[in-house]
C-alpha cells in the first residue's frame, strides 16, 4: 500500500508548527501599529501634495 503525502498536507503541517508559537495579542498589536503608521504616512502625503499644489498653482 502506497501512502500519498502531497504538498498540501506538508504545507498544513508546516503552518501548524509555525503558528503554534504565535501570540495573537502580539499580532493584533503589530496590526494596530501598522494601521496607525499607514494613516500617519497618508496624512503626511496628503499634506505634502496640498502644499505642493498651493505653492505651484497651474
Protein backbone atom coordinates (compact mmCIF):
# COMPACT_ATOMS: atom_id res chain seq x y z
CA UNK A 1 0.00 0.00 0.00
CA UNK A 2 1.37 3.39 -1.03
CA UNK A 3 0.67 6.47 1.06
CA UNK A 4 0.40 9.74 -0.84
CA UNK A 5 1.84 12.63 1.16
CA UNK A 6 1.02 15.61 -1.02
CA UNK A 7 2.27 19.13 -0.77
CA UNK A 8 -0.97 20.29 0.85
CA UNK A 9 -0.57 18.10 3.92
CA UNK A 10 3.09 19.10 4.15
CA UNK A 11 2.10 22.76 3.97
CA UNK A 12 -0.57 22.27 6.64
CA UNK A 13 1.92 20.58 8.95
CA UNK A 14 4.47 23.37 8.45
CA UNK A 15 1.80 26.04 9.03
CA UNK A 16 0.59 24.34 12.19
CA UNK A 17 4.11 24.14 13.59
CA UNK A 18 4.82 27.79 12.76
CA UNK A 19 1.51 29.08 14.11
CA UNK A 20 1.80 27.10 17.33
CA UNK A 21 4.25 29.62 18.74
CA UNK A 22 2.45 32.78 17.53
CA UNK A 23 0.98 35.07 20.15
CA UNK A 24 -2.32 36.51 18.90
CA UNK A 25 -2.11 39.65 21.04
CA UNK A 26 1.30 40.44 19.52
CA UNK A 27 -0.17 40.08 16.04
CA UNK A 28 -3.05 42.41 16.91
CA UNK A 29 -0.62 44.92 18.41
CA UNK A 30 1.54 44.78 15.27
CA UNK A 31 -1.51 45.17 13.03
CA UNK A 32 -2.74 48.18 15.00
CA UNK A 33 0.67 49.84 14.80
CA UNK A 34 0.83 49.17 11.06
CA UNK A 35 -2.58 50.75 10.50
CA UNK A 36 -1.71 53.81 12.61
CA UNK A 37 1.60 54.17 10.80
CA UNK A 38 -0.15 53.95 7.45
CA UNK A 39 -2.65 56.64 8.44
CA UNK A 40 0.15 58.94 9.61
CA UNK A 41 2.07 58.36 6.35
CA UNK A 42 -1.08 59.04 4.32
CA UNK A 43 -1.69 62.26 6.25
CA UNK A 44 1.83 63.49 5.54
CA UNK A 45 1.46 62.53 1.89
CA UNK A 46 -1.80 64.48 1.54
CA UNK A 47 -0.26 67.47 3.33
CA UNK A 48 2.75 67.41 1.01
CA UNK A 49 0.51 67.21 -2.07
CA UNK A 50 -1.65 70.08 -0.79
CA UNK A 51 1.35 72.29 -0.10
CA UNK A 52 2.85 71.45 -3.50
CA UNK A 53 -0.38 72.42 -5.28
CA UNK A 54 -0.66 75.60 -3.22
CA UNK A 55 2.95 76.58 -3.98
CA UNK A 56 2.76 75.89 -7.73
CA UNK A 57 -0.75 76.70 -8.99
CA UNK A 58 -1.49 75.94 -12.63
